[in-house]
Full PDB file with SEQRES, HELIX, SHEET, SSBOND, CRYST1, ORIGX, SCALE, CONECT and MASTER records, all heavy atoms in Angstrom:
SEQRES   1 A   39  LEU GLY TYR ASP ALA PRO GLY SER SER VAL GLU ARG ALA          
SEQRES   2 A   39  HIS LEU LEU ALA ASP VAL ILE ASP ASN LEU ALA ALA ASP          
SEQRES   3 A   39  SER THR PHE TYR GLN LYS ARG ALA LEU THR PHE PRO LEU          
HELIX    1 AA1 LEU A   16  ALA A   25  1                                  10    
HELIX    2 AA2 PHE A   29  LYS A   32  1                                   4    
CRYST1    1.000    1.000    1.000  90.00  90.00  90.00 P 1           1          
ORIGX1      1.000000  0.000000  0.000000        0.00000                         
ORIGX2      0.000000  1.000000  0.000000        0.00000                         
ORIGX3      0.000000  0.000000  1.000000        0.00000                         
SCALE1      1.000000  0.000000  0.000000        0.00000                         
SCALE2      0.000000  1.000000  0.000000        0.00000                         
SCALE3      0.000000  0.000000  1.000000        0.00000                         
ATOM      1  N   LEU A   1      45.953  19.261  58.779  1.00  0.00           N  
ATOM      2  CA  LEU A   1      45.000  19.018  57.696  1.00  0.00           C  
ATOM      3  C   LEU A   1      43.871  18.086  58.120  1.00  0.00           C  
ATOM      4  O   LEU A   1      42.723  18.291  57.755  1.00  0.00           O  
ATOM      5  CB  LEU A   1      45.742  18.443  56.493  1.00  0.00           C  
ATOM      6  CG  LEU A   1      45.040  18.499  55.149  1.00  0.00           C  
ATOM      7  CD1 LEU A   1      44.602  19.909  54.805  1.00  0.00           C  
ATOM      8  CD2 LEU A   1      45.980  17.965  54.075  1.00  0.00           C  
ATOM      9  N   GLY A   2      44.169  17.100  58.930  1.00  0.00           N  
ATOM     10  CA  GLY A   2      43.159  16.137  59.353  1.00  0.00           C  
ATOM     11  C   GLY A   2      42.286  16.597  60.508  1.00  0.00           C  
ATOM     12  O   GLY A   2      41.322  15.920  60.871  1.00  0.00           O  
ATOM     13  N   TYR A   3      42.605  17.738  61.084  1.00  0.00           N  
ATOM     14  CA  TYR A   3      41.871  18.228  62.246  1.00  0.00           C  
ATOM     15  C   TYR A   3      40.705  19.104  61.786  1.00  0.00           C  
ATOM     16  O   TYR A   3      40.888  20.068  61.048  1.00  0.00           O  
ATOM     17  CB  TYR A   3      42.812  19.023  63.149  1.00  0.00           C  
ATOM     18  CG  TYR A   3      42.161  19.672  64.349  1.00  0.00           C  
ATOM     19  CD1 TYR A   3      41.303  18.960  65.175  1.00  0.00           C  
ATOM     20  CD2 TYR A   3      42.414  20.993  64.656  1.00  0.00           C  
ATOM     21  CE1 TYR A   3      40.711  19.554  66.284  1.00  0.00           C  
ATOM     22  CE2 TYR A   3      41.835  21.593  65.763  1.00  0.00           C  
ATOM     23  CZ  TYR A   3      40.981  20.869  66.565  1.00  0.00           C  
ATOM     24  OH  TYR A   3      40.392  21.464  67.658  1.00  0.00           O  
ATOM     25  N   ASP A   4      39.505  18.756  62.228  1.00  0.00           N  
ATOM     26  CA  ASP A   4      38.310  19.518  61.892  1.00  0.00           C  
ATOM     27  C   ASP A   4      38.149  20.636  62.919  1.00  0.00           C  
ATOM     28  O   ASP A   4      37.328  20.552  63.827  1.00  0.00           O  
ATOM     29  CB  ASP A   4      37.086  18.593  61.870  1.00  0.00           C  
ATOM     30  CG  ASP A   4      35.851  19.284  61.341  1.00  0.00           C  
ATOM     31  OD1 ASP A   4      35.980  20.297  60.634  1.00  0.00           O  
ATOM     32  OD2 ASP A   4      34.733  18.801  61.648  1.00  0.00           O  
ATOM     33  N   ALA A   5      38.958  21.665  62.766  1.00  0.00           N  
ATOM     34  CA  ALA A   5      38.975  22.774  63.729  1.00  0.00           C  
ATOM     35  C   ALA A   5      37.690  23.585  63.627  1.00  0.00           C  
ATOM     36  O   ALA A   5      37.111  23.704  62.549  1.00  0.00           O  
ATOM     37  CB  ALA A   5      40.177  23.671  63.465  1.00  0.00           C  
ATOM     38  N   PRO A   6      37.247  24.169  64.736  1.00  0.00           N  
ATOM     39  CA  PRO A   6      36.067  25.034  64.683  1.00  0.00           C  
ATOM     40  C   PRO A   6      36.285  26.177  63.683  1.00  0.00           C  
ATOM     41  O   PRO A   6      37.326  26.823  63.697  1.00  0.00           O  
ATOM     42  CB  PRO A   6      35.960  25.582  66.110  1.00  0.00           C  
ATOM     43  CG  PRO A   6      36.732  24.627  66.961  1.00  0.00           C  
ATOM     44  CD  PRO A   6      37.809  24.072  66.080  1.00  0.00           C  
ATOM     45  N   GLY A   7      35.325  26.370  62.792  1.00  0.00           N  
ATOM     46  CA  GLY A   7      35.419  27.456  61.823  1.00  0.00           C  
ATOM     47  C   GLY A   7      36.300  27.170  60.634  1.00  0.00           C  
ATOM     48  O   GLY A   7      36.599  28.070  59.850  1.00  0.00           O  
ATOM     49  N   SER A   8      36.739  25.918  60.459  1.00  0.00           N  
ATOM     50  CA  SER A   8      37.602  25.607  59.322  1.00  0.00           C  
ATOM     51  C   SER A   8      36.814  25.190  58.087  1.00  0.00           C  
ATOM     52  O   SER A   8      37.389  24.940  57.045  1.00  0.00           O  
ATOM     53  CB  SER A   8      38.613  24.511  59.690  1.00  0.00           C  
ATOM     54  OG  SER A   8      37.949  23.295  59.942  1.00  0.00           O  
ATOM     55  N   SER A   9      35.492  25.154  58.206  1.00  0.00           N  
ATOM     56  CA  SER A   9      34.668  24.756  57.060  1.00  0.00           C  
ATOM     57  C   SER A   9      34.641  25.867  56.015  1.00  0.00           C  
ATOM     58  O   SER A   9      34.948  27.027  56.291  1.00  0.00           O  
ATOM     59  CB  SER A   9      33.249  24.424  57.525  1.00  0.00           C  
ATOM     60  OG  SER A   9      32.652  25.572  58.099  1.00  0.00           O  
ATOM     61  N   VAL A  10      34.220  25.504  54.832  1.00  0.00           N  
ATOM     62  CA  VAL A  10      34.282  26.398  53.681  1.00  0.00           C  
ATOM     63  C   VAL A  10      33.440  27.666  53.852  1.00  0.00           C  
ATOM     64  O   VAL A  10      33.762  28.694  53.273  1.00  0.00           O  
ATOM     65  CB  VAL A  10      33.893  25.630  52.388  1.00  0.00           C  
ATOM     66  CG1 VAL A  10      32.417  25.297  52.374  1.00  0.00           C  
ATOM     67  CG2 VAL A  10      34.297  26.401  51.163  1.00  0.00           C  
ATOM     68  N   GLU A  11      32.391  27.631  54.653  1.00  0.00           N  
ATOM     69  CA  GLU A  11      31.555  28.826  54.804  1.00  0.00           C  
ATOM     70  C   GLU A  11      32.287  29.969  55.490  1.00  0.00           C  
ATOM     71  O   GLU A  11      31.933  31.122  55.321  1.00  0.00           O  
ATOM     72  CB  GLU A  11      30.288  28.534  55.632  1.00  0.00           C  
ATOM     73  CG  GLU A  11      29.413  27.445  55.083  1.00  0.00           C  
ATOM     74  CD  GLU A  11      29.793  26.085  55.633  1.00  0.00           C  
ATOM     75  OE1 GLU A  11      30.391  25.997  56.722  1.00  0.00           O  
ATOM     76  OE2 GLU A  11      29.493  25.096  54.954  1.00  0.00           O  
ATOM     77  N   ARG A  12      33.251  29.676  56.301  1.00  0.00           N  
ATOM     78  CA  ARG A  12      33.897  30.713  57.103  1.00  0.00           C  
ATOM     79  C   ARG A  12      35.395  30.855  56.833  1.00  0.00           C  
ATOM     80  O   ARG A  12      35.963  31.911  57.058  1.00  0.00           O  
ATOM     81  CB  ARG A  12      33.678  30.380  58.582  1.00  0.00           C  
ATOM     82  CG  ARG A  12      34.070  31.499  59.483  1.00  0.00           C  
ATOM     83  CD  ARG A  12      33.420  31.389  60.835  1.00  0.00           C  
ATOM     84  NE  ARG A  12      33.939  32.441  61.683  1.00  0.00           N  
ATOM     85  CZ  ARG A  12      34.251  32.288  62.941  1.00  0.00           C  
ATOM     86  NH1 ARG A  12      34.064  31.135  63.533  1.00  0.00           N  
ATOM     87  NH2 ARG A  12      34.718  33.281  63.623  1.00  0.00           N  
ATOM     88  N   ALA A  13      36.025  29.800  56.360  1.00  0.00           N  
ATOM     89  CA  ALA A  13      37.473  29.792  56.181  1.00  0.00           C  
ATOM     90  C   ALA A  13      37.854  30.125  54.738  1.00  0.00           C  
ATOM     91  O   ALA A  13      37.278  29.589  53.796  1.00  0.00           O  
ATOM     92  CB  ALA A  13      38.042  28.431  56.569  1.00  0.00           C  
ATOM     93  N   HIS A  14      38.829  31.016  54.600  1.00  0.00           N  
ATOM     94  CA  HIS A  14      39.355  31.398  53.295  1.00  0.00           C  
ATOM     95  C   HIS A  14      40.836  31.033  53.286  1.00  0.00           C  
ATOM     96  O   HIS A  14      41.615  31.576  54.081  1.00  0.00           O  
ATOM     97  CB  HIS A  14      39.160  32.896  53.053  1.00  0.00           C  
ATOM     98  CG  HIS A  14      37.722  33.291  53.044  1.00  0.00           C  
ATOM     99  ND1 HIS A  14      36.993  33.427  51.884  1.00  0.00           N  
ATOM    100  CD2 HIS A  14      36.852  33.520  54.065  1.00  0.00           C  
ATOM    101  CE1 HIS A  14      35.751  33.755  52.182  1.00  0.00           C  
ATOM    102  NE2 HIS A  14      35.635  33.804  53.500  1.00  0.00           N  
ATOM    103  N   LEU A  15      41.197  30.080  52.430  1.00  0.00           N  
ATOM    104  CA  LEU A  15      42.576  29.608  52.387  1.00  0.00           C  
ATOM    105  C   LEU A  15      43.526  30.750  52.034  1.00  0.00           C  
ATOM    106  O   LEU A  15      43.261  31.526  51.104  1.00  0.00           O  
ATOM    107  CB  LEU A  15      42.722  28.470  51.383  1.00  0.00           C  
ATOM    108  CG  LEU A  15      41.937  27.193  51.700  1.00  0.00           C  
ATOM    109  CD1 LEU A  15      42.084  26.192  50.569  1.00  0.00           C  
ATOM    110  CD2 LEU A  15      42.396  26.598  53.021  1.00  0.00           C  
ATOM    111  N   LEU A  16      44.611  30.851  52.778  1.00  0.00           N  
ATOM    112  CA  LEU A  16      45.561  31.943  52.579  1.00  0.00           C  
ATOM    113  C   LEU A  16      46.133  31.923  51.162  1.00  0.00           C  
ATOM    114  O   LEU A  16      46.286  32.983  50.546  1.00  0.00           O  
ATOM    115  CB  LEU A  16      46.679  31.899  53.625  1.00  0.00           C  
ATOM    116  CG  LEU A  16      47.730  33.003  53.526  1.00  0.00           C  
ATOM    117  CD1 LEU A  16      47.095  34.403  53.570  1.00  0.00           C  
ATOM    118  CD2 LEU A  16      48.756  32.852  54.635  1.00  0.00           C  
ATOM    119  N   ALA A  17      46.429  30.766  50.615  1.00  0.00           N  
ATOM    120  CA  ALA A  17      46.962  30.691  49.250  1.00  0.00           C  
ATOM    121  C   ALA A  17      45.958  31.268  48.254  1.00  0.00           C  
ATOM    122  O   ALA A  17      46.342  31.980  47.311  1.00  0.00           O  
ATOM    123  CB  ALA A  17      47.323  29.252  48.894  1.00  0.00           C  
ATOM    124  N   ASP A  18      44.671  31.009  48.458  1.00  0.00           N  
ATOM    125  CA  ASP A  18      43.637  31.567  47.580  1.00  0.00           C  
ATOM    126  C   ASP A  18      43.529  33.076  47.757  1.00  0.00           C  
ATOM    127  O   ASP A  18      43.346  33.812  46.786  1.00  0.00           O  
ATOM    128  CB  ASP A  18      42.272  30.930  47.866  1.00  0.00           C  
ATOM    129  CG  ASP A  18      42.200  29.477  47.452  1.00  0.00           C  
ATOM    130  OD1 ASP A  18      43.080  29.019  46.697  1.00  0.00           O  
ATOM    131  OD2 ASP A  18      41.249  28.796  47.887  1.00  0.00           O  
ATOM    132  N   VAL A  19      43.630  33.547  48.990  1.00  0.00           N  
ATOM    133  CA  VAL A  19      43.571  34.991  49.257  1.00  0.00           C  
ATOM    134  C   VAL A  19      44.715  35.689  48.521  1.00  0.00           C  
ATOM    135  O   VAL A  19      44.517  36.720  47.868  1.00  0.00           O  
ATOM    136  CB  VAL A  19      43.628  35.279  50.777  1.00  0.00           C  
ATOM    137  CG1 VAL A  19      43.811  36.762  51.059  1.00  0.00           C  
ATOM    138  CG2 VAL A  19      42.358  34.749  51.459  1.00  0.00           C  
ATOM    139  N   ILE A  20      45.909  35.117  48.598  1.00  0.00           N  
ATOM    140  CA  ILE A  20      47.076  35.687  47.909  1.00  0.00           C  
ATOM    141  C   ILE A  20      46.824  35.728  46.403  1.00  0.00           C  
ATOM    142  O   ILE A  20      47.051  36.759  45.754  1.00  0.00           O  
ATOM    143  CB  ILE A  20      48.352  34.900  48.263  1.00  0.00           C  
ATOM    144  CG1 ILE A  20      48.732  35.168  49.725  1.00  0.00           C  
ATOM    145  CG2 ILE A  20      49.502  35.251  47.306  1.00  0.00           C  
ATOM    146  CD1 ILE A  20      49.823  34.256  50.270  1.00  0.00           C  
ATOM    147  N   ASP A  21      46.352  34.626  45.840  1.00  0.00           N  
ATOM    148  CA  ASP A  21      46.073  34.582  44.397  1.00  0.00           C  
ATOM    149  C   ASP A  21      45.009  35.601  43.995  1.00  0.00           C  
ATOM    150  O   ASP A  21      45.146  36.287  42.975  1.00  0.00           O  
ATOM    151  CB  ASP A  21      45.615  33.180  43.972  1.00  0.00           C  
ATOM    152  CG  ASP A  21      46.748  32.168  43.952  1.00  0.00           C  
ATOM    153  OD1 ASP A  21      47.930  32.559  44.023  1.00  0.00           O  
ATOM    154  OD2 ASP A  21      46.438  30.959  43.882  1.00  0.00           O  
ATOM    155  N   ASN A  22      43.954  35.712  44.783  1.00  0.00           N  
ATOM    156  CA  ASN A  22      42.873  36.653  44.467  1.00  0.00           C  
ATOM    157  C   ASN A  22      43.374  38.097  44.490  1.00  0.00           C  
ATOM    158  O   ASN A  22      43.021  38.895  43.616  1.00  0.00           O  
ATOM    159  CB  ASN A  22      41.708  36.493  45.441  1.00  0.00           C  
ATOM    160  CG  ASN A  22      40.964  35.184  45.236  1.00  0.00           C  
ATOM    161  OD1 ASN A  22      40.981  34.606  44.147  1.00  0.00           O  
ATOM    162  ND2 ASN A  22      40.325  34.711  46.284  1.00  0.00           N  
ATOM    163  N   LEU A  23      44.188  38.439  45.485  1.00  0.00           N  
ATOM    164  CA  LEU A  23      44.711  39.807  45.576  1.00  0.00           C  
ATOM    165  C   LEU A  23      45.748  40.092  44.490  1.00  0.00           C  
ATOM    166  O   LEU A  23      45.856  41.229  44.017  1.00  0.00           O  
ATOM    167  CB  LEU A  23      45.305  40.057  46.959  1.00  0.00           C  
ATOM    168  CG  LEU A  23      44.299  40.116  48.101  1.00  0.00           C  
ATOM    169  CD1 LEU A  23      45.014  40.173  49.442  1.00  0.00           C  
ATOM    170  CD2 LEU A  23      43.349  41.291  47.931  1.00  0.00           C  
ATOM    171  N   ALA A  24      46.496  39.082  44.085  1.00  0.00           N  
ATOM    172  CA  ALA A  24      47.472  39.268  43.007  1.00  0.00           C  
ATOM    173  C   ALA A  24      46.750  39.550  41.687  1.00  0.00           C  
ATOM    174  O   ALA A  24      47.232  40.334  40.863  1.00  0.00           O  
ATOM    175  CB  ALA A  24      48.369  38.035  42.882  1.00  0.00           C  
ATOM    176  N   ALA A  25      45.593  38.957  41.511  1.00  0.00           N  
ATOM    177  CA  ALA A  25      44.812  39.162  40.289  1.00  0.00           C  
ATOM    178  C   ALA A  25      44.011  40.468  40.327  1.00  0.00           C  
ATOM    179  O   ALA A  25      43.803  41.112  39.301  1.00  0.00           O  
ATOM    180  CB  ALA A  25      43.865  37.982  40.068  1.00  0.00           C  
ATOM    181  N   ASP A  26      43.545  40.861  41.525  1.00  0.00           N  
ATOM    182  CA  ASP A  26      42.699  42.046  41.673  1.00  0.00           C  
ATOM    183  C   ASP A  26      42.921  42.627  43.068  1.00  0.00           C  
ATOM    184  O   ASP A  26      42.476  42.046  44.060  1.00  0.00           O  
ATOM    185  CB  ASP A  26      41.228  41.657  41.479  1.00  0.00           C  
ATOM    186  CG  ASP A  26      40.268  42.819  41.639  1.00  0.00           C  
ATOM    187  OD1 ASP A  26      40.692  43.939  42.004  1.00  0.00           O  
ATOM    188  OD2 ASP A  26      39.062  42.605  41.407  1.00  0.00           O  
ATOM    189  N   SER A  27      43.573  43.758  43.126  1.00  0.00           N  
ATOM    190  CA  SER A  27      43.954  44.356  44.410  1.00  0.00           C  
ATOM    191  C   SER A  27      42.774  44.624  45.338  1.00  0.00           C  
ATOM    192  O   SER A  27      42.922  44.593  46.555  1.00  0.00           O  
ATOM    193  CB  SER A  27      44.715  45.669  44.162  1.00  0.00           C  
ATOM    194  OG  SER A  27      45.091  46.253  45.390  1.00  0.00           O  
ATOM    195  N   THR A  28      41.605  44.880  44.785  1.00  0.00           N  
ATOM    196  CA  THR A  28      40.441  45.215  45.616  1.00  0.00           C  
ATOM    197  C   THR A  28      39.426  44.073  45.674  1.00  0.00           C  
ATOM    198  O   THR A  28      38.251  44.292  45.971  1.00  0.00           O  
ATOM    199  CB  THR A  28      39.757  46.498  45.100  1.00  0.00           C  
ATOM    200  OG1 THR A  28      39.344  46.289  43.747  1.00  0.00           O  
ATOM    201  CG2 THR A  28      40.697  47.690  45.192  1.00  0.00           C  
ATOM    202  N   PHE A  29      39.880  42.874  45.416  1.00  0.00           N  
ATOM    203  CA  PHE A  29      39.000  41.702  45.375  1.00  0.00           C  
ATOM    204  C   PHE A  29      38.092  41.614  46.602  1.00  0.00           C  
ATOM    205  O   PHE A  29      36.890  41.407  46.480  1.00  0.00           O  
ATOM    206  CB  PHE A  29      39.847  40.427  45.258  1.00  0.00           C  
ATOM    207  CG  PHE A  29      39.043  39.164  45.128  1.00  0.00           C  
ATOM    208  CD1 PHE A  29      38.640  38.712  43.881  1.00  0.00           C  
ATOM    209  CD2 PHE A  29      38.700  38.411  46.246  1.00  0.00           C  
ATOM    210  CE1 PHE A  29      37.900  37.547  43.747  1.00  0.00           C  
ATOM    211  CE2 PHE A  29      37.955  37.249  46.124  1.00  0.00           C  
ATOM    212  CZ  PHE A  29      37.558  36.816  44.868  1.00  0.00           C  
ATOM    213  N   TYR A  30      38.662  41.778  47.798  1.00  0.00           N  
ATOM    214  CA  TYR A  30      37.886  41.571  49.027  1.00  0.00           C  
ATOM    215  C   TYR A  30      37.060  42.785  49.438  1.00  0.00           C  
ATOM    216  O   TYR A  30      36.212  42.668  50.315  1.00  0.00           O  
ATOM    217  CB  TYR A  30      38.783  41.072  50.162  1.00  0.00           C  
ATOM    218  CG  TYR A  30      39.224  39.660  49.864  1.00  0.00           C  
ATOM    219  CD1 TYR A  30      40.486  39.392  49.343  1.00  0.00           C  
ATOM    220  CD2 TYR A  30      38.348  38.598  50.026  1.00  0.00           C  
ATOM    221  CE1 TYR A  30      40.865  38.099  49.023  1.00  0.00           C  
ATOM    222  CE2 TYR A  30      38.721  37.306  49.703  1.00  0.00           C  
ATOM    223  CZ  TYR A  30      39.981  37.064  49.196  1.00  0.00           C  
ATOM    224  OH  TYR A  30      40.343  35.783  48.868  1.00  0.00           O  
ATOM    225  N   GLN A  31      37.269  43.915  48.779  1.00  0.00           N  
ATOM    226  CA  GLN A  31      36.370  45.048  49.004  1.00  0.00           C  
ATOM    227  C   GLN A  31      35.105  44.894  48.165  1.00  0.00           C  
ATOM    228  O   GLN A  31      34.050  45.393  48.528  1.00  0.00           O  
ATOM    229  CB  GLN A  31      37.050  46.383  48.648  1.00  0.00           C  
ATOM    230  CG  GLN A  31      37.989  46.887  49.714  1.00  0.00           C  
ATOM    231  CD  GLN A  31      39.345  46.219  49.658  1.00  0.00           C  
ATOM    232  OE1 GLN A  31      39.951  46.124  48.602  1.00  0.00           O  
ATOM    233  NE2 GLN A  31      39.830  45.739  50.782  1.00  0.00           N  
ATOM    234  N   LYS A  32      35.204  44.193  47.017  1.00  0.00           N  
ATOM    235  CA  LYS A  32      34.098  44.092  46.066  1.00  0.00           C  
ATOM    236  C   LYS A  32      33.283  42.807  46.188  1.00  0.00           C  
ATOM    237  O   LYS A  32      32.123  42.788  45.834  1.00  0.00           O  
ATOM    238  CB  LYS A  32      34.635  44.174  44.627  1.00  0.00           C  
ATOM    239  CG  LYS A  32      35.338  45.478  44.317  1.00  0.00           C  
ATOM    240  CD  LYS A  32      35.770  45.563  42.874  1.00  0.00           C  
ATOM    241  CE  LYS A  32      36.902  44.628  42.566  1.00  0.00           C  
ATOM    242  NZ  LYS A  32      37.529  44.850  41.266  1.00  0.00           N  
ATOM    243  N   ARG A  33      33.911  41.767  46.655  1.00  0.00           N  
ATOM    244  CA  ARG A  33      33.289  40.448  46.625  1.00  0.00           C  
ATOM    245  C   ARG A  33      32.244  40.282  47.722  1.00  0.00           C  
ATOM    246  O   ARG A  33      32.438  40.698  48.858  1.00  0.00           O  
ATOM    247  CB  ARG A  33      34.370  39.384  46.818  1.00  0.00           C  
ATOM    248  CG  ARG A  33      33.765  38.018  46.958  1.00  0.00           C  
ATOM    249  CD  ARG A  33      34.589  36.940  46.423  1.00  0.00           C  
ATOM    250  NE  ARG A  33      33.760  35.738  46.460  1.00  0.00           N  
ATOM    251  CZ  ARG A  33      34.161  34.589  46.920  1.00  0.00           C  
ATOM    252  NH1 ARG A  33      35.379  34.461  47.357  1.00  0.00           N  
ATOM    253  NH2 ARG A  33      33.355  33.557  46.927  1.00  0.00           N  
ATOM    254  N   ALA A  34      31.137  39.647  47.376  1.00  0.00           N  
ATOM    255  CA  ALA A  34      30.159  39.259  48.396  1.00  0.00           C  
ATOM    256  C   ALA A  34      30.734  38.059  49.145  1.00  0.00           C  
ATOM    257  O   ALA A  34      31.163  37.085  48.527  1.00  0.00           O  
ATOM    258  CB  ALA A  34      28.834  38.883  47.741  1.00  0.00           C  
ATOM    259  N   LEU A  35      30.790  38.158  50.449  1.00  0.00           N  
ATOM    260  CA  LEU A  35      31.333  37.078  51.275  1.00  0.00           C  
ATOM    261  C   LEU A  35      30.224  36.560  52.180  1.00  0.00           C  
ATOM    262  O   LEU A  35      29.709  37.291  53.029  1.00  0.00           O  
ATOM    263  CB  LEU A  35      32.505  37.590  52.133  1.00  0.00           C  
ATOM    264  CG  LEU A  35      33.736  38.074  51.377  1.00  0.00           C  
ATOM    265  CD1 LEU A  35      34.726  38.728  52.327  1.00  0.00           C  
ATOM    266  CD2 LEU A  35      34.398  36.919  50.640  1.00  0.00           C  
ATOM    267  N   THR A  36      29.863  35.311  51.998  1.00  0.00           N  
ATOM    268  CA  THR A  36      28.854  34.715  52.865  1.00  0.00           C  
ATOM    269  C   THR A  36      29.527  34.143  54.098  1.00  0.00           C  
ATOM    270  O   THR A  36      30.701  33.765  54.062  1.00  0.00           O  
ATOM    271  CB  THR A  36      28.081  33.597  52.144  1.00  0.00           C  
ATOM    272  OG1 THR A  36      29.011  32.603  51.704  1.00  0.00           O  
ATOM    273  CG2 THR A  36      27.326  34.143  50.933  1.00  0.00           C  
ATOM    274  N   PHE A  37      28.796  34.112  55.200  1.00  0.00           N  
ATOM    275  CA  PHE A  37      29.343  33.565  56.436  1.00  0.00           C  
ATOM    276  C   PHE A  37      28.188  33.142  57.331  1.00  0.00           C  
ATOM    277  O   PHE A  37      27.117  33.725  57.297  1.00  0.00           O  
ATOM    278  CB  PHE A  37      30.238  34.585  57.152  1.00  0.00           C  
ATOM    279  CG  PHE A  37      29.598  35.922  57.387  1.00  0.00           C  
ATOM    280  CD1 PHE A  37      28.869  36.165  58.545  1.00  0.00           C  
ATOM    281  CD2 PHE A  37      29.695  36.926  56.440  1.00  0.00           C  
ATOM    282  CE1 PHE A  37      28.269  37.394  58.761  1.00  0.00           C  
ATOM    283  CE2 PHE A  37      29.104  38.152  56.653  1.00  0.00           C  
ATOM    284  CZ  PHE A  37      28.377  38.387  57.816  1.00  0.00           C  
ATOM    285  N   PRO A  38      28.421  32.092  58.115  1.00  0.00           N  
ATOM    286  CA  PRO A  38      27.364  31.628  59.025  1.00  0.00           C  
ATOM    287  C   PRO A  38      27.327  32.463  60.300  1.00  0.00           C  
ATOM    288  O   PRO A  38      28.356  32.992  60.732  1.00  0.00           O  
ATOM    289  CB  PRO A  38      27.779  30.184  59.333  1.00  0.00           C  
ATOM    290  CG  PRO A  38      29.275  30.220  59.239  1.00  0.00           C  
ATOM    291  CD  PRO A  38      29.594  31.232  58.159  1.00  0.00           C  
ATOM    292  N   LEU A  39      26.157  32.600  60.866  1.00  0.00           N  
ATOM    293  CA  LEU A  39      25.988  33.261  62.155  1.00  0.00           C  
ATOM    294  C   LEU A  39      25.076  32.404  63.024  1.00  0.00           C  
ATOM    295  O   LEU A  39      24.071  31.886  62.541  1.00  0.00           O  
ATOM    296  CB  LEU A  39      25.337  34.641  61.982  1.00  0.00           C  
ATOM    297  CG  LEU A  39      26.192  35.746  61.410  1.00  0.00           C  
ATOM    298  CD1 LEU A  39      25.341  36.987  61.162  1.00  0.00           C  
ATOM    299  CD2 LEU A  39      27.325  36.081  62.357  1.00  0.00           C  
TER     300      LEU A  39                                                      
MASTER        0    0    0    2    0    0    0    6  299    1    0    3          
END                                                                             
């Protein structure tokens, strides 16, 4: 938790617990959602 790993910031990292909750609520959540990411 205390380690600032590369790519662990909010722009790129999606917490697994949140992913599970989102899919439990809506099976196609990640097909429909706009996902921003840094390049």
